[in-house]
């Protein structure tokens, strides 16, 4: 069984993981923002969802920075 983290494939695998993570964070961020926009009767929930989206944006930026380092 070939180890996916072995030598040549290590960089490619790390990049794949980071790229997939960026996509997931962006998808979650969009979902939180869309949901927050639909909430009109619970300002606390709306605020929490917007904060979740902000956290996703920060993680996305960090992941993109890591991807740039890998290249």
N, C-alpha and C. Protein backbone atom coordinates (compact mmCIF):
# COMPACT_ATOMS: atom_id res chain seq x y z
N UNK A 1 0.85 -1.19 0.00
CA UNK A 1 0.00 0.00 0.00
C UNK A 1 0.89 1.24 0.00
N UNK A 2 0.62 2.13 -0.94
CA UNK A 2 1.42 3.34 -1.06
C UNK A 2 0.95 4.39 -0.06
N UNK A 3 1.89 4.97 0.62
CA UNK A 3 1.60 6.01 1.58
C UNK A 3 1.35 7.34 0.84
N UNK A 4 0.16 7.93 0.98
CA UNK A 4 -0.13 9.16 0.24
C UNK A 4 0.71 10.35 0.69
N UNK A 5 1.35 10.24 1.83
CA UNK A 5 2.16 11.34 2.32
C UNK A 5 3.65 11.11 2.06
N UNK A 6 3.98 10.15 1.25
CA UNK A 6 5.36 9.82 0.96
C UNK A 6 5.94 10.79 -0.06
N UNK A 7 7.15 11.22 0.15
CA UNK A 7 7.98 12.07 -0.70
C UNK A 7 7.26 12.85 -1.80
N UNK A 8 7.21 12.32 -3.02
CA UNK A 8 6.75 13.06 -4.19
C UNK A 8 5.30 13.50 -4.09
N UNK A 9 4.47 12.67 -3.52
CA UNK A 9 3.05 13.00 -3.47
C UNK A 9 2.70 13.87 -2.26
N UNK A 10 3.65 14.08 -1.37
CA UNK A 10 3.37 14.84 -0.14
C UNK A 10 2.89 16.25 -0.46
N UNK A 11 3.63 16.97 -1.31
CA UNK A 11 3.26 18.35 -1.62
C UNK A 11 1.91 18.39 -2.32
N UNK A 12 1.70 17.52 -3.27
CA UNK A 12 0.44 17.48 -3.99
C UNK A 12 -0.72 17.18 -3.04
N UNK A 13 -0.53 16.26 -2.15
CA UNK A 13 -1.58 15.88 -1.21
C UNK A 13 -1.90 17.05 -0.26
N UNK A 14 -0.89 17.73 0.23
CA UNK A 14 -1.11 18.87 1.10
C UNK A 14 -1.87 19.96 0.36
N UNK A 15 -1.48 20.22 -0.88
CA UNK A 15 -2.18 21.22 -1.68
C UNK A 15 -3.64 20.83 -1.90
N UNK A 16 -3.88 19.55 -2.16
CA UNK A 16 -5.25 19.08 -2.36
C UNK A 16 -6.08 19.30 -1.10
N UNK A 17 -5.52 18.97 0.04
CA UNK A 17 -6.23 19.15 1.32
C UNK A 17 -6.53 20.62 1.55
N UNK A 18 -5.54 21.47 1.31
CA UNK A 18 -5.74 22.91 1.53
C UNK A 18 -6.78 23.47 0.56
N UNK A 19 -6.72 23.07 -0.70
CA UNK A 19 -7.69 23.54 -1.68
C UNK A 19 -9.11 23.08 -1.34
N UNK A 20 -9.24 21.85 -0.92
CA UNK A 20 -10.55 21.34 -0.50
C UNK A 20 -11.06 22.09 0.73
N UNK A 21 -10.16 22.39 1.64
CA UNK A 21 -10.54 23.12 2.85
C UNK A 21 -11.00 24.54 2.51
N UNK A 22 -10.31 25.19 1.58
CA UNK A 22 -10.73 26.53 1.14
C UNK A 22 -12.16 26.46 0.60
N UNK A 23 -12.43 25.48 -0.24
CA UNK A 23 -13.77 25.34 -0.83
C UNK A 23 -14.83 25.13 0.25
N UNK A 24 -14.53 24.28 1.23
CA UNK A 24 -15.49 24.03 2.31
C UNK A 24 -15.75 25.28 3.13
N UNK A 25 -14.69 26.00 3.47
CA UNK A 25 -14.83 27.23 4.26
C UNK A 25 -15.65 28.27 3.49
N UNK A 26 -15.38 28.41 2.18
CA UNK A 26 -16.14 29.36 1.37
C UNK A 26 -17.61 28.97 1.29
N UNK A 27 -17.87 27.68 1.14
CA UNK A 27 -19.26 27.21 1.09
C UNK A 27 -19.99 27.48 2.40
N UNK A 28 -19.34 27.20 3.51
CA UNK A 28 -19.94 27.48 4.81
C UNK A 28 -20.19 28.97 5.01
N UNK A 29 -19.20 29.78 4.61
CA UNK A 29 -19.34 31.23 4.76
C UNK A 29 -20.57 31.73 3.99
N UNK A 30 -20.72 31.27 2.75
CA UNK A 30 -21.88 31.66 1.95
C UNK A 30 -23.19 31.21 2.61
N UNK A 31 -23.19 29.99 3.10
CA UNK A 31 -24.40 29.46 3.75
C UNK A 31 -24.77 30.30 4.96
N UNK A 32 -23.80 30.63 5.80
CA UNK A 32 -24.07 31.44 6.98
C UNK A 32 -24.59 32.82 6.60
N UNK A 33 -23.97 33.43 5.58
CA UNK A 33 -24.40 34.77 5.19
C UNK A 33 -25.80 34.77 4.59
N UNK A 34 -26.08 33.80 3.74
CA UNK A 34 -27.41 33.70 3.14
C UNK A 34 -28.46 33.47 4.22
N UNK A 35 -28.14 32.59 5.16
CA UNK A 35 -29.09 32.31 6.25
C UNK A 35 -29.29 33.56 7.10
N UNK A 36 -28.20 34.26 7.41
CA UNK A 36 -28.30 35.48 8.23
C UNK A 36 -29.18 36.52 7.54
N UNK A 37 -29.07 36.63 6.21
CA UNK A 37 -29.87 37.61 5.47
C UNK A 37 -31.37 37.29 5.55
N UNK A 38 -31.70 36.04 5.74
CA UNK A 38 -33.10 35.61 5.79
C UNK A 38 -33.73 35.76 7.17
N UNK A 39 -32.90 36.03 8.16
CA UNK A 39 -33.40 36.12 9.54
C UNK A 39 -33.78 37.57 9.84
N UNK A 40 -35.02 37.77 10.24
CA UNK A 40 -35.50 39.12 10.54
C UNK A 40 -36.03 39.25 11.96
N UNK A 41 -36.27 38.12 12.62
CA UNK A 41 -36.91 38.19 13.93
C UNK A 41 -36.01 37.76 15.09
N UNK A 42 -34.74 37.49 14.80
CA UNK A 42 -33.81 37.05 15.85
C UNK A 42 -32.44 37.68 15.61
N UNK A 43 -32.27 38.93 16.05
CA UNK A 43 -31.02 39.64 15.79
C UNK A 43 -29.78 38.96 16.38
N UNK A 44 -29.96 38.26 17.50
CA UNK A 44 -28.81 37.57 18.11
C UNK A 44 -28.33 36.42 17.22
N UNK A 45 -29.26 35.64 16.70
CA UNK A 45 -28.90 34.55 15.80
C UNK A 45 -28.27 35.10 14.52
N UNK A 46 -28.85 36.16 14.00
CA UNK A 46 -28.31 36.79 12.79
C UNK A 46 -26.86 37.22 13.03
N UNK A 47 -26.60 37.83 14.18
CA UNK A 47 -25.26 38.28 14.53
C UNK A 47 -24.29 37.10 14.67
N UNK A 48 -24.73 36.03 15.30
CA UNK A 48 -23.88 34.85 15.46
C UNK A 48 -23.52 34.24 14.11
N UNK A 49 -24.51 34.15 13.22
CA UNK A 49 -24.25 33.60 11.89
C UNK A 49 -23.26 34.48 11.12
N UNK A 50 -23.41 35.79 11.24
CA UNK A 50 -22.46 36.69 10.60
C UNK A 50 -21.06 36.53 11.19
N UNK A 51 -20.98 36.29 12.49
CA UNK A 51 -19.68 36.05 13.12
C UNK A 51 -19.08 34.72 12.64
N UNK A 52 -19.92 33.71 12.47
CA UNK A 52 -19.43 32.43 11.92
C UNK A 52 -18.84 32.66 10.53
N UNK A 53 -19.55 33.43 9.72
CA UNK A 53 -19.08 33.72 8.36
C UNK A 53 -17.76 34.47 8.39
N UNK A 54 -17.61 35.39 9.33
CA UNK A 54 -16.36 36.13 9.46
C UNK A 54 -15.22 35.18 9.83
N UNK A 55 -15.50 34.23 10.71
CA UNK A 55 -14.49 33.24 11.07
C UNK A 55 -14.09 32.40 9.86
N UNK A 56 -15.08 32.03 9.04
CA UNK A 56 -14.78 31.28 7.83
C UNK A 56 -13.91 32.10 6.88
N UNK A 57 -14.19 33.39 6.77
CA UNK A 57 -13.40 34.25 5.90
C UNK A 57 -11.95 34.31 6.37
N UNK A 58 -11.76 34.40 7.67
CA UNK A 58 -10.38 34.43 8.21
C UNK A 58 -9.66 33.11 7.96
N UNK A 59 -10.36 32.00 8.18
CA UNK A 59 -9.74 30.70 7.93
C UNK A 59 -9.43 30.51 6.44
N UNK A 60 -10.32 30.99 5.59
CA UNK A 60 -10.09 30.90 4.15
C UNK A 60 -8.82 31.66 3.79
N UNK A 61 -8.66 32.85 4.32
CA UNK A 61 -7.45 33.66 4.05
C UNK A 61 -6.21 32.91 4.53
N UNK A 62 -6.27 32.32 5.71
CA UNK A 62 -5.12 31.58 6.23
C UNK A 62 -4.79 30.38 5.35
N UNK A 63 -5.81 29.69 4.89
CA UNK A 63 -5.60 28.53 4.02
C UNK A 63 -4.99 28.95 2.69
N UNK A 64 -5.48 30.05 2.13
CA UNK A 64 -4.92 30.56 0.88
C UNK A 64 -3.45 30.95 1.07
N UNK A 65 -3.15 31.58 2.20
CA UNK A 65 -1.75 31.93 2.51
C UNK A 65 -0.88 30.67 2.55
N UNK A 66 -1.39 29.62 3.17
CA UNK A 66 -0.64 28.36 3.24
C UNK A 66 -0.44 27.76 1.84
N UNK A 67 -1.46 27.85 1.02
CA UNK A 67 -1.34 27.35 -0.36
C UNK A 67 -0.26 28.10 -1.11
N UNK A 68 -0.19 29.41 -0.91
CA UNK A 68 0.84 30.21 -1.58
C UNK A 68 2.24 29.79 -1.13
N UNK A 69 2.38 29.45 0.14
CA UNK A 69 3.68 28.97 0.66
C UNK A 69 4.09 27.65 0.03
N UNK A 70 3.09 26.79 -0.24
CA UNK A 70 3.35 25.46 -0.79
C UNK A 70 3.81 25.52 -2.25
N UNK A 71 3.42 26.59 -2.95
CA UNK A 71 3.73 26.68 -4.38
C UNK A 71 5.06 27.30 -4.67
